[in-house]
Amino acid sequence: MKTPKGEISDSIIALANDEALLKKMSECKSPEEVYALVKDRVGMPFEQFTAEMTIAHSYLQEMESSLLSEDDLDAVAGGKSEESEAIGTSVGLASALLGTMGLGLATAAAI
């Protein structure tokens, strides 16, 4: 997927659809642990993995800042739609995935 921040591979995006994996990833203490858990699924070197996760994290932060809240959506004529709920769920899952990497990315940047 091309974003204004850079390219994110489909294998990285697919990680957000596996709730069991997200739970395991949230228990990891470093980017190396997360990578060890997913390296067979993503099929890329560690450096590329952390670079793409950094891009995805930046992109999602930008997206989240422009999303309407539930209260904002309720105030719009027509109320909620299934599509808006699905978008919120997808962003939530992706944020959980990227939140797992937050500490690890900060650690990696310090190295």
PDB file of N, CA and C in Angstrom:
ATOM      1  N   MET A   1       0.849  -1.170   0.000  1.00  0.00           N
ATOM      2  CA  MET A   1       0.000   0.000   0.000  1.00  0.00           C
ATOM      3  C   MET A   1       0.896   1.235   0.000  1.00  0.00           C
ATOM      4  N   LYS A   2       0.624   2.125  -0.900  1.00  0.00           N
ATOM      5  CA  LYS A   2       1.380   3.374  -0.938  1.00  0.00           C
ATOM      6  C   LYS A   2       0.688   4.386  -0.036  1.00  0.00           C
ATOM      7  N   THR A   3       1.478   5.061   0.766  1.00  0.00           N
ATOM      8  CA  THR A   3       0.972   6.121   1.626  1.00  0.00           C
ATOM      9  C   THR A   3       1.817   7.361   1.373  1.00  0.00           C
ATOM     10  N   PRO A   4       1.361   8.515   1.828  1.00  0.00           N
ATOM     11  CA  PRO A   4       2.191   9.706   1.699  1.00  0.00           C
ATOM     12  C   PRO A   4       3.509   9.587   2.476  1.00  0.00           C
ATOM     13  N   LYS A   5       3.536   8.702   3.455  1.00  0.00           N
ATOM     14  CA  LYS A   5       4.736   8.511   4.274  1.00  0.00           C
ATOM     15  C   LYS A   5       5.686   7.478   3.678  1.00  0.00           C
ATOM     16  N   GLY A   6       5.199   6.654   2.729  1.00  0.00           N
ATOM     17  CA  GLY A   6       6.029   5.612   2.134  1.00  0.00           C
ATOM     18  C   GLY A   6       5.212   4.358   1.877  1.00  0.00           C
ATOM     19  N   GLU A   7       5.879   3.308   1.448  1.00  0.00           N
ATOM     20  CA  GLU A   7       5.242   2.040   1.082  1.00  0.00           C
ATOM     21  C   GLU A   7       5.113   1.129   2.306  1.00  0.00           C
ATOM     22  N   ILE A   8       3.932   0.484   2.430  1.00  0.00           N
ATOM     23  CA  ILE A   8       3.694  -0.513   3.475  1.00  0.00           C
ATOM     24  C   ILE A   8       3.269  -1.790   2.767  1.00  0.00           C
ATOM     25  N   SER A   9       3.995  -2.881   2.997  1.00  0.00           N
ATOM     26  CA  SER A   9       3.688  -4.133   2.304  1.00  0.00           C
ATOM     27  C   SER A   9       2.394  -4.748   2.830  1.00  0.00           C
ATOM     28  N   ASP A  10       1.770  -5.554   1.984  1.00  0.00           N
ATOM     29  CA  ASP A  10       0.527  -6.227   2.354  1.00  0.00           C
ATOM     30  C   ASP A  10       0.727  -7.160   3.543  1.00  0.00           C
ATOM     31  N   SER A  11       1.924  -7.738   3.667  1.00  0.00           N
ATOM     32  CA  SER A  11       2.177  -8.663   4.782  1.00  0.00           C
ATOM     33  C   SER A  11       2.135  -7.933   6.125  1.00  0.00           C
ATOM     34  N   ILE A  12       2.554  -6.682   6.155  1.00  0.00           N
ATOM     35  CA  ILE A  12       2.476  -5.888   7.393  1.00  0.00           C
ATOM     36  C   ILE A  12       1.020  -5.572   7.699  1.00  0.00           C
ATOM     37  N   ILE A  13       0.271  -5.179   6.690  1.00  0.00           N
ATOM     38  CA  ILE A  13      -1.143  -4.844   6.871  1.00  0.00           C
ATOM     39  C   ILE A  13      -1.925  -6.067   7.342  1.00  0.00           C
ATOM     40  N   ALA A  14      -1.599  -7.239   6.810  1.00  0.00           N
ATOM     41  CA  ALA A  14      -2.308  -8.466   7.167  1.00  0.00           C
ATOM     42  C   ALA A  14      -2.152  -8.820   8.641  1.00  0.00           C
ATOM     43  N   LEU A  15      -1.072  -8.391   9.272  1.00  0.00           N
ATOM     44  CA  LEU A  15      -0.867  -8.698  10.690  1.00  0.00           C
ATOM     45  C   LEU A  15      -1.987  -8.136  11.552  1.00  0.00           C
ATOM     46  N   ALA A  16      -2.565  -7.016  11.158  1.00  0.00           N
ATOM     47  CA  ALA A  16      -3.609  -6.359  11.940  1.00  0.00           C
ATOM     48  C   ALA A  16      -4.916  -7.144  11.947  1.00  0.00           C
ATOM     49  N   ASN A  17      -5.058  -8.127  11.080  1.00  0.00           N
ATOM     50  CA  ASN A  17      -6.290  -8.912  11.012  1.00  0.00           C
ATOM     51  C   ASN A  17      -6.271 -10.144  11.904  1.00  0.00           C
ATOM     52  N   ASP A  18      -5.183 -10.417  12.569  1.00  0.00           N
ATOM     53  CA  ASP A  18      -5.051 -11.601  13.419  1.00  0.00           C
ATOM     54  C   ASP A  18      -5.037 -11.170  14.885  1.00  0.00           C
ATOM     55  N   GLU A  19      -6.218 -11.225  15.519  1.00  0.00           N
ATOM     56  CA  GLU A  19      -6.333 -10.746  16.897  1.00  0.00           C
ATOM     57  C   GLU A  19      -5.469 -11.546  17.874  1.00  0.00           C
ATOM     58  N   ALA A  20      -5.346 -12.852  17.672  1.00  0.00           N
ATOM     59  CA  ALA A  20      -4.507 -13.672  18.551  1.00  0.00           C
ATOM     60  C   ALA A  20      -3.046 -13.241  18.441  1.00  0.00           C
ATOM     61  N   LEU A  21      -2.616 -12.963  17.218  1.00  0.00           N
ATOM     62  CA  LEU A  21      -1.243 -12.511  17.007  1.00  0.00           C
ATOM     63  C   LEU A  21      -1.028 -11.142  17.639  1.00  0.00           C
ATOM     64  N   LEU A  22      -2.000 -10.246  17.502  1.00  0.00           N
ATOM     65  CA  LEU A  22      -1.886  -8.916  18.118  1.00  0.00           C
ATOM     66  C   LEU A  22      -1.703  -9.034  19.625  1.00  0.00           C
ATOM     67  N   LYS A  23      -2.433  -9.971  20.237  1.00  0.00           N
ATOM     68  CA  LYS A  23      -2.303 -10.164  21.684  1.00  0.00           C
ATOM     69  C   LYS A  23      -0.886 -10.630  22.032  1.00  0.00           C
ATOM     70  N   LYS A  24      -0.372 -11.574  21.263  1.00  0.00           N
ATOM     71  CA  LYS A  24       0.995 -12.056  21.499  1.00  0.00           C
ATOM     72  C   LYS A  24       2.010 -10.935  21.294  1.00  0.00           C
ATOM     73  N   MET A  25       1.790 -10.130  20.257  1.00  0.00           N
ATOM     74  CA  MET A  25       2.711  -9.037  19.967  1.00  0.00           C
ATOM     75  C   MET A  25       2.707  -7.999  21.086  1.00  0.00           C
ATOM     76  N   SER A  26       1.548  -7.787  21.690  1.00  0.00           N
ATOM     77  CA  SER A  26       1.457  -6.793  22.762  1.00  0.00           C
ATOM     78  C   SER A  26       2.253  -7.207  23.996  1.00  0.00           C
ATOM     79  N   GLU A  27       2.571  -8.478  24.100  1.00  0.00           N
ATOM     80  CA  GLU A  27       3.349  -8.982  25.232  1.00  0.00           C
ATOM     81  C   GLU A  27       4.859  -8.899  24.980  1.00  0.00           C
ATOM     82  N   CYS A  28       5.255  -8.589  23.768  1.00  0.00           N
ATOM     83  CA  CYS A  28       6.676  -8.493  23.430  1.00  0.00           C
ATOM     84  C   CYS A  28       7.286  -7.239  24.049  1.00  0.00           C
ATOM     85  N   LYS A  29       8.546  -7.329  24.392  1.00  0.00           N
ATOM     86  CA  LYS A  29       9.237  -6.229  25.062  1.00  0.00           C
ATOM     87  C   LYS A  29      10.192  -5.457  24.150  1.00  0.00           C
ATOM     88  N   SER A  30      10.396  -5.933  22.918  1.00  0.00           N
ATOM     89  CA  SER A  30      11.332  -5.253  22.014  1.00  0.00           C
ATOM     90  C   SER A  30      10.921  -5.513  20.574  1.00  0.00           C
ATOM     91  N   PRO A  31      11.418  -4.683  19.651  1.00  0.00           N
ATOM     92  CA  PRO A  31      11.121  -4.928  18.240  1.00  0.00           C
ATOM     93  C   PRO A  31      11.672  -6.268  17.765  1.00  0.00           C
ATOM     94  N   GLU A  32      12.781  -6.686  18.346  1.00  0.00           N
ATOM     95  CA  GLU A  32      13.365  -7.978  17.969  1.00  0.00           C
ATOM     96  C   GLU A  32      12.421  -9.125  18.329  1.00  0.00           C
ATOM     97  N   GLU A  33      11.765  -9.036  19.490  1.00  0.00           N
ATOM     98  CA  GLU A  33      10.813 -10.071  19.892  1.00  0.00           C
ATOM     99  C   GLU A  33       9.607 -10.089  18.953  1.00  0.00           C
ATOM    100  N   VAL A  34       9.116  -8.910  18.592  1.00  0.00           N
ATOM    101  CA  VAL A  34       7.982  -8.835  17.669  1.00  0.00           C
ATOM    102  C   VAL A  34       8.386  -9.431  16.326  1.00  0.00           C
ATOM    103  N   TYR A  35       9.555  -9.063  15.848  1.00  0.00           N
ATOM    104  CA  TYR A  35      10.031  -9.575  14.565  1.00  0.00           C
ATOM    105  C   TYR A  35      10.174 -11.096  14.598  1.00  0.00           C
ATOM    106  N   ALA A  36      10.726 -11.630  15.679  1.00  0.00           N
ATOM    107  CA  ALA A  36      10.884 -13.083  15.803  1.00  0.00           C
ATOM    108  C   ALA A  36       9.524 -13.782  15.714  1.00  0.00           C
ATOM    109  N   LEU A  37       8.507 -13.132  16.247  1.00  0.00           N
ATOM    110  CA  LEU A  37       7.160 -13.692  16.242  1.00  0.00           C
ATOM    111  C   LEU A  37       6.538 -13.694  14.844  1.00  0.00           C
ATOM    112  N   VAL A  38       6.855 -12.672  14.028  1.00  0.00           N
ATOM    113  CA  VAL A  38       6.172 -12.504  12.737  1.00  0.00           C
ATOM    114  C   VAL A  38       7.059 -12.679  11.510  1.00  0.00           C
ATOM    115  N   LYS A  39       8.345 -12.946  11.688  1.00  0.00           N
ATOM    116  CA  LYS A  39       9.258 -12.940  10.536  1.00  0.00           C
ATOM    117  C   LYS A  39       8.856 -13.923   9.446  1.00  0.00           C
ATOM    118  N   ASP A  40       8.280 -15.058   9.801  1.00  0.00           N
ATOM    119  CA  ASP A  40       7.843 -16.015   8.775  1.00  0.00           C
ATOM    120  C   ASP A  40       6.639 -15.488   7.999  1.00  0.00           C
ATOM    121  N   ARG A  41       5.832 -14.658   8.634  1.00  0.00           N
ATOM    122  CA  ARG A  41       4.646 -14.097   7.976  1.00  0.00           C
ATOM    123  C   ARG A  41       4.986 -12.914   7.081  1.00  0.00           C
ATOM    124  N   VAL A  42       5.964 -12.120   7.479  1.00  0.00           N
ATOM    125  CA  VAL A  42       6.253 -10.904   6.716  1.00  0.00           C
ATOM    126  C   VAL A  42       7.292 -11.118   5.635  1.00  0.00           C
ATOM    127  N   GLY A  43       8.174 -12.087   5.808  1.00  0.00           N
ATOM    128  CA  GLY A  43       9.153 -12.424   4.777  1.00  0.00           C
ATOM    129  C   GLY A  43      10.048 -11.272   4.352  1.00  0.00           C
ATOM    130  N   MET A  44      10.582 -10.560   5.332  1.00  0.00           N
ATOM    131  CA  MET A  44      11.479  -9.431   5.029  1.00  0.00           C
ATOM    132  C   MET A  44      12.520  -9.321   6.126  1.00  0.00           C
ATOM    133  N   PRO A  45      13.640  -8.677   5.833  1.00  0.00           N
ATOM    134  CA  PRO A  45      14.666  -8.482   6.859  1.00  0.00           C
ATOM    135  C   PRO A  45      14.172  -7.550   7.970  1.00  0.00           C
ATOM    136  N   PHE A  46      14.794  -7.663   9.129  1.00  0.00           N
ATOM    137  CA  PHE A  46      14.418  -6.873  10.308  1.00  0.00           C
ATOM    138  C   PHE A  46      14.414  -5.373  10.012  1.00  0.00           C
ATOM    139  N   GLU A  47      15.431  -4.890   9.316  1.00  0.00           N
ATOM    140  CA  GLU A  47      15.531  -3.455   9.029  1.00  0.00           C
ATOM    141  C   GLU A  47      14.349  -2.963   8.206  1.00  0.00           C
ATOM    142  N   GLN A  48      13.945  -3.751   7.211  1.00  0.00           N
ATOM    143  CA  GLN A  48      12.791  -3.377   6.390  1.00  0.00           C
ATOM    144  C   GLN A  48      11.514  -3.424   7.225  1.00  0.00           C
ATOM    145  N   PHE A  49      11.396  -4.438   8.082  1.00  0.00           N
ATOM    146  CA  PHE A  49      10.229  -4.577   8.945  1.00  0.00           C
ATOM    147  C   PHE A  49      10.066  -3.342   9.836  1.00  0.00           C
ATOM    148  N   THR A  50      11.138  -2.939  10.508  1.00  0.00           N
ATOM    149  CA  THR A  50      11.025  -1.774  11.399  1.00  0.00           C
ATOM    150  C   THR A  50      10.786  -0.492  10.603  1.00  0.00           C
ATOM    151  N   ALA A  51      11.365  -0.387   9.420  1.00  0.00           N
ATOM    152  CA  ALA A  51      11.138   0.798   8.588  1.00  0.00           C
ATOM    153  C   ALA A  51       9.666   0.884   8.168  1.00  0.00           C
ATOM    154  N   GLU A  52       9.097  -0.239   7.734  1.00  0.00           N
ATOM    155  CA  GLU A  52       7.694  -0.235   7.320  1.00  0.00           C
ATOM    156  C   GLU A  52       6.764  -0.001   8.502  1.00  0.00           C
ATOM    157  N   MET A  53       7.098  -0.544   9.654  1.00  0.00           N
ATOM    158  CA  MET A  53       6.275  -0.315  10.849  1.00  0.00           C
ATOM    159  C   MET A  53       6.331   1.161  11.245  1.00  0.00           C
ATOM    160  N   THR A  54       7.460   1.797  11.087  1.00  0.00           N
ATOM    161  CA  THR A  54       7.589   3.229  11.378  1.00  0.00           C
ATOM    162  C   THR A  54       6.717   4.035  10.420  1.00  0.00           C
ATOM    163  N   ILE A  55       6.736   3.680   9.144  1.00  0.00           N
ATOM    164  CA  ILE A  55       5.903   4.351   8.146  1.00  0.00           C
ATOM    165  C   ILE A  55       4.429   4.157   8.484  1.00  0.00           C
ATOM    166  N   ALA A  56       4.049   2.920   8.788  1.00  0.00           N
ATOM    167  CA  ALA A  56       2.652   2.630   9.110  1.00  0.00           C
ATOM    168  C   ALA A  56       2.209   3.388  10.354  1.00  0.00           C
ATOM    169  N   HIS A  57       3.071   3.440  11.355  1.00  0.00           N
ATOM    170  CA  HIS A  57       2.743   4.153  12.591  1.00  0.00           C
ATOM    171  C   HIS A  57       2.508   5.636  12.301  1.00  0.00           C
ATOM    172  N   SER A  58       3.376   6.253  11.554  1.00  0.00           N
ATOM    173  CA  SER A  58       3.225   7.673  11.193  1.00  0.00           C
ATOM    174  C   SER A  58       1.949   7.902  10.394  1.00  0.00           C
ATOM    175  N   TYR A  59       1.699   7.020   9.449  1.00  0.00           N
ATOM    176  CA  TYR A  59       0.513   7.146   8.601  1.00  0.00           C
ATOM    177  C   TYR A  59      -0.765   7.029   9.431  1.00  0.00           C
ATOM    178  N   LEU A  60      -0.817   6.044  10.331  1.00  0.00           N
ATOM    179  CA  LEU A  60      -2.014   5.863  11.152  1.00  0.00           C
ATOM    180  C   LEU A  60      -2.211   7.012  12.129  1.00  0.00           C
ATOM    181  N   GLN A  61      -1.147   7.538  12.672  1.00  0.00           N
ATOM    182  CA  GLN A  61      -1.290   8.701  13.550  1.00  0.00           C
ATOM    183  C   GLN A  61      -1.916   9.858  12.789  1.00  0.00           C
ATOM    184  N   GLU A  62      -1.476  10.055  11.568  1.00  0.00           N
ATOM    185  CA  GLU A  62      -2.023  11.122  10.733  1.00  0.00           C
ATOM    186  C   GLU A  62      -3.494  10.856  10.420  1.00  0.00           C
ATOM    187  N   MET A  63      -3.826   9.607  10.095  1.00  0.00           N
ATOM    188  CA  MET A  63      -5.217   9.243   9.802  1.00  0.00           C
ATOM    189  C   MET A  63      -6.106   9.429  11.018  1.00  0.00           C
ATOM    190  N   GLU A  64      -5.644   8.968  12.172  1.00  0.00           N
ATOM    191  CA  GLU A  64      -6.451   9.062  13.390  1.00  0.00           C
ATOM    192  C   GLU A  64      -6.732  10.510  13.766  1.00  0.00           C
ATOM    193  N   SER A  65      -5.803  11.388  13.506  1.00  0.00           N
ATOM    194  CA  SER A  65      -6.018  12.783  13.860  1.00  0.00           C
ATOM    195  C   SER A  65      -7.087  13.421  12.980  1.00  0.00           C
ATOM    196  N   SER A  66      -7.370  12.823  11.816  1.00  0.00           N
ATOM    197  CA  SER A  66      -8.385  13.380  10.936  1.00  0.00           C
ATOM    198  C   SER A  66      -9.707  12.616  10.999  1.00  0.00           C
ATOM    199  N   LEU A  67      -9.796  11.544  11.792  1.00  0.00           N
ATOM    200  CA  LEU A  67     -11.028  10.779  11.908  1.00  0.00           C
ATOM    201  C   LEU A  67     -12.011  11.494  12.823  1.00  0.00           C
ATOM    202  N   LEU A  68     -13.282  11.320  12.523  1.00  0.00           N
ATOM    203  CA  LEU A  68     -14.318  11.863  13.389  1.00  0.00           C
ATOM    204  C   LEU A  68     -14.528  10.924  14.565  1.00  0.00           C
ATOM    205  N   SER A  69     -14.848  11.499  15.724  1.00  0.00           N
ATOM    206  CA  SER A  69     -15.143  10.690  16.901  1.00  0.00           C
ATOM    207  C   SER A  69     -16.556  10.114  16.757  1.00  0.00           C
ATOM    208  N   GLU A  70     -16.924   9.191  17.629  1.00  0.00           N
ATOM    209  CA  GLU A  70     -18.280   8.639  17.626  1.00  0.00           C
ATOM    210  C   GLU A  70     -19.313   9.743  17.838  1.00  0.00           C
ATOM    211  N   ASP A  71     -19.017  10.699  18.720  1.00  0.00           N
ATOM    212  CA  ASP A  71     -19.932  11.818  18.953  1.00  0.00           C
ATOM    213  C   ASP A  71     -20.088  12.659  17.690  1.00  0.00           C
ATOM    214  N   ASP A  72     -18.967  12.880  16.976  1.00  0.00           N
ATOM    215  CA  ASP A  72     -19.029  13.636  15.725  1.00  0.00           C
ATOM    216  C   ASP A  72     -19.894  12.905  14.701  1.00  0.00           C
ATOM    217  N   LEU A  73     -19.707  11.586  14.611  1.00  0.00           N
ATOM    218  CA  LEU A  73     -20.495  10.802  13.662  1.00  0.00           C
ATOM    219  C   LEU A  73     -21.975  10.831  14.008  1.00  0.00           C
ATOM    220  N   ASP A  74     -22.300  10.756  15.296  1.00  0.00           N
ATOM    221  CA  ASP A  74     -23.698  10.803  15.721  1.00  0.00           C
ATOM    222  C   ASP A  74     -24.341  12.140  15.382  1.00  0.00           C
ATOM    223  N   ALA A  75     -23.554  13.188  15.363  1.00  0.00           N
ATOM    224  CA  ALA A  75     -24.075  14.523  15.073  1.00  0.00           C
ATOM    225  C   ALA A  75     -24.327  14.743  13.576  1.00  0.00           C
ATOM    226  N   VAL A  76     -23.769  13.886  12.745  1.00  0.00           N
ATOM    227  CA  VAL A  76     -23.938  14.013  11.299  1.00  0.00           C
ATOM    228  C   VAL A  76     -25.297  13.439  10.912  1.00  0.00           C
ATOM    229  N   ALA A  77     -25.991  14.109  10.008  1.00  0.00           N
ATOM    230  CA  ALA A  77     -27.291  13.618   9.547  1.00  0.00           C
ATOM    231  C   ALA A  77     -27.161  12.189   9.045  1.00  0.00           C
ATOM    232  N   GLY A  78     -28.054  11.330   9.480  1.00  0.00           N
ATOM    233  CA  GLY A  78     -28.025   9.934   9.049  1.00  0.00           C
ATOM    234  C   GLY A  78     -27.376   9.022  10.073  1.00  0.00           C
ATOM    235  N   GLY A  79     -26.667   9.572  11.055  1.00  0.00           N
ATOM    236  CA  GLY A  79     -26.091   8.759  12.124  1.00  0.00           C
ATOM    237  C   GLY A  79     -24.994   7.832  11.664  1.00  0.00           C
ATOM    238  N   LYS A  80     -24.872   6.706  12.346  1.00  0.00           N
ATOM    239  CA  LYS A  80     -23.802   5.749  12.085  1.00  0.00           C
ATOM    240  C   LYS A  80     -24.136   4.872  10.887  1.00  0.00           C
ATOM    241  N   SER A  81     -23.108   4.421  10.233  1.00  0.00           N
ATOM    242  CA  SER A  81     -23.273   3.442   9.165  1.00  0.00           C
ATOM    243  C   SER A  81     -22.380   2.253   9.472  1.00  0.00           C
ATOM    244  N   GLU A  82     -22.679   1.116   8.846  1.00  0.00           N
ATOM    245  CA  GLU A  82     -21.827  -0.062   9.041  1.00  0.00           C
ATOM    246  C   GLU A  82     -20.429   0.207   8.522  1.00  0.00           C
ATOM    247  N   GLU A  83     -20.325   0.983   7.442  1.00  0.00           N
ATOM    248  CA  GLU A  83     -19.016   1.284   6.865  1.00  0.00           C
ATOM    249  C   GLU A  83     -18.158   2.082   7.840  1.00  0.00           C
ATOM    250  N   SER A  84     -18.744   3.082   8.500  1.00  0.00           N
ATOM    251  CA  SER A  84     -17.947   3.889   9.428  1.00  0.00           C
ATOM    252  C   SER A  84     -17.494   3.050  10.618  1.00  0.00           C
ATOM    253  N   GLU A  85     -18.332   2.110  11.065  1.00  0.00           N
ATOM    254  CA  GLU A  85     -17.931   1.229  12.152  1.00  0.00           C
ATOM    255  C   GLU A  85     -16.818   0.293  11.712  1.00  0.00           C
ATOM    256  N   ALA A  86     -16.887  -0.207  10.475  1.00  0.00           N
ATOM    257  CA  ALA A  86     -15.841  -1.097   9.957  1.00  0.00           C
ATOM    258  C   ALA A  86     -14.518  -0.356   9.842  1.00  0.00           C
ATOM    259  N   ILE A  87     -14.560   0.886   9.386  1.00  0.00           N
ATOM    260  CA  ILE A  87     -13.338   1.681   9.287  1.00  0.00           C
ATOM    261  C   ILE A  87     -12.738   1.888  10.666  1.00  0.00           C
ATOM    262  N   GLY A  88     -13.578   2.209  11.635  1.00  0.00           N
ATOM    263  CA  GLY A  88     -13.100   2.395  13.002  1.00  0.00           C
ATOM    264  C   GLY A  88     -12.463   1.143  13.566  1.00  0.00           C
ATOM    265  N   THR A  89     -13.074  -0.011  13.296  1.00  0.00           N
ATOM    266  CA  THR A  89     -12.520  -1.283  13.761  1.00  0.00           C
ATOM    267  C   THR A  89     -11.177  -1.554  13.112  1.00  0.00           C
ATOM    268  N   SER A  90     -11.064  -1.335  11.803  1.00  0.00           N
ATOM    269  CA  SER A  90      -9.800  -1.570  11.106  1.00  0.00           C
ATOM    270  C   SER A  90      -8.691  -0.674  11.635  1.00  0.00           C
ATOM    271  N   VAL A  91      -9.019   0.595  11.840  1.00  0.00           N
ATOM    272  CA  VAL A  91      -8.021   1.523  12.374  1.00  0.00           C
ATOM    273  C   VAL A  91      -7.647   1.128  13.792  1.00  0.00           C
ATOM    274  N   GLY A  92      -8.624   0.672  14.581  1.00  0.00           N
ATOM    275  CA  GLY A  92      -8.338   0.241  15.943  1.00  0.00           C
ATOM    276  C   GLY A  92      -7.388  -0.939  15.983  1.00  0.00           C
ATOM    277  N   LEU A  93      -7.627  -1.933  15.117  1.00  0.00           N
ATOM    278  CA  LEU A  93      -6.745  -3.101  15.068  1.00  0.00           C
ATOM    279  C   LEU A  93      -5.344  -2.707  14.621  1.00  0.00           C
ATOM    280  N   ALA A  94      -5.276  -1.886  13.610  1.00  0.00           N
ATOM    281  CA  ALA A  94      -3.966  -1.455  13.124  1.00  0.00           C
ATOM    282  C   ALA A  94      -3.240  -0.636  14.185  1.00  0.00           C
ATOM    283  N   SER A  95      -3.975   0.174  14.913  1.00  0.00           N
ATOM    284  CA  SER A  95      -3.349   0.960  15.977  1.00  0.00           C
ATOM    285  C   SER A  95      -2.809   0.059  17.078  1.00  0.00           C
ATOM    286  N   ALA A  96      -3.556  -1.009  17.382  1.00  0.00           N
ATOM    287  CA  ALA A  96      -3.084  -1.951  18.395  1.00  0.00           C
ATOM    288  C   ALA A  96      -1.779  -2.594  17.937  1.00  0.00           C
ATOM    289  N   LEU A  97      -1.745  -2.985  16.685  1.00  0.00           N
ATOM    290  CA  LEU A  97      -0.529  -3.581  16.123  1.00  0.00           C
ATOM    291  C   LEU A  97       0.636  -2.606  16.211  1.00  0.00           C
ATOM    292  N   LEU A  98       0.411  -1.391  15.817  1.00  0.00           N
ATOM    293  CA  LEU A  98       1.489  -0.409  15.794  1.00  0.00           C
ATOM    294  C   LEU A  98       1.844   0.068  17.188  1.00  0.00           C
ATOM    295  N   GLY A  99       0.871   0.098  18.086  1.00  0.00           N
ATOM    296  CA  GLY A  99       1.155   0.473  19.465  1.00  0.00           C
ATOM    297  C   GLY A  99       2.126  -0.507  20.094  1.00  0.00           C
ATOM    298  N   THR A 100       2.008  -1.762  19.714  1.00  0.00           N
ATOM    299  CA  THR A 100       2.925  -2.785  20.195  1.00  0.00           C
ATOM    300  C   THR A 100       4.356  -2.436  19.820  1.00  0.00           C
ATOM    301  N   MET A 101       4.510  -1.847  18.641  1.00  0.00           N
ATOM    302  CA  MET A 101       5.844  -1.526  18.155  1.00  0.00           C
ATOM    303  C   MET A 101       6.362  -0.206  18.711  1.00  0.00           C
ATOM    304  N   GLY A 102       5.507   0.607  19.319  1.00  0.00           N
ATOM    305  CA  GLY A 102       5.913   1.924  19.764  1.00  0.00           C
ATOM    306  C   GLY A 102       7.156   1.925  20.634  1.00  0.00           C
ATOM    307  N   LEU A 103       7.138   1.125  21.694  1.00  0.00           N
ATOM    308  CA  LEU A 103       8.286   1.045  22.591  1.00  0.00           C
ATOM    309  C   LEU A 103       9.492   0.489  21.836  1.00  0.00           C
ATOM    310  N   GLY A 104       9.249  -0.516  21.025  1.00  0.00           N
ATOM    311  CA  GLY A 104      10.334  -1.120  20.280  1.00  0.00           C
ATOM    312  C   GLY A 104      10.948  -0.161  19.276  1.00  0.00           C
ATOM    313  N   LEU A 105      10.124   0.640  18.619  1.00  0.00           N
ATOM    314  CA  LEU A 105      10.646   1.591  17.643  1.00  0.00           C
ATOM    315  C   LEU A 105      11.462   2.665  18.334  1.00  0.00           C
ATOM    316  N   ALA A 106      11.017   3.090  19.493  1.00  0.00           N
ATOM    317  CA  ALA A 106      11.775   4.087  20.244  1.00  0.00           C
ATOM    318  C   ALA A 106      13.129   3.506  20.653  1.00  0.00           C
ATOM    319  N   THR A 107      13.113   2.237  21.046  1.00  0.00           N
ATOM    320  CA  THR A 107      14.346   1.559  21.424  1.00  0.00           C
ATOM    321  C   THR A 107      15.270   1.432  20.229  1.00  0.00           C
ATOM    322  N   ALA A 108      14.690   1.037  19.080  1.00  0.00           N
ATOM    323  CA  ALA A 108      15.488   0.865  17.869  1.00  0.00           C
ATOM    324  C   ALA A 108      16.082   2.190  17.419  1.00  0.00           C
ATOM    325  N   ALA A 109      15.324   3.268  17.554  1.00  0.00           N
ATOM    326  CA  ALA A 109      15.816   4.582  17.144  1.00  0.00           C
ATOM    327  C   ALA A 109      16.966   5.033  18.029  1.00  0.00           C
ATOM    328  N   ALA A 110      16.919   4.622  19.284  1.00  0.00           N
ATOM    329  CA  ALA A 110      17.975   5.008  20.224  1.00  0.00           C
ATOM    330  C   ALA A 110      19.272   4.260  19.965  1.00  0.00           C
ATOM    331  N   ILE A 111      19.162   3.108  19.304  1.00  0.00           N
ATOM    332  CA  ILE A 111      20.333   2.260  19.050  1.00  0.00           C
ATOM    333  C   ILE A 111      21.148   2.794  17.956  1.00  0.00           C
TER     334      ILE A 111
END
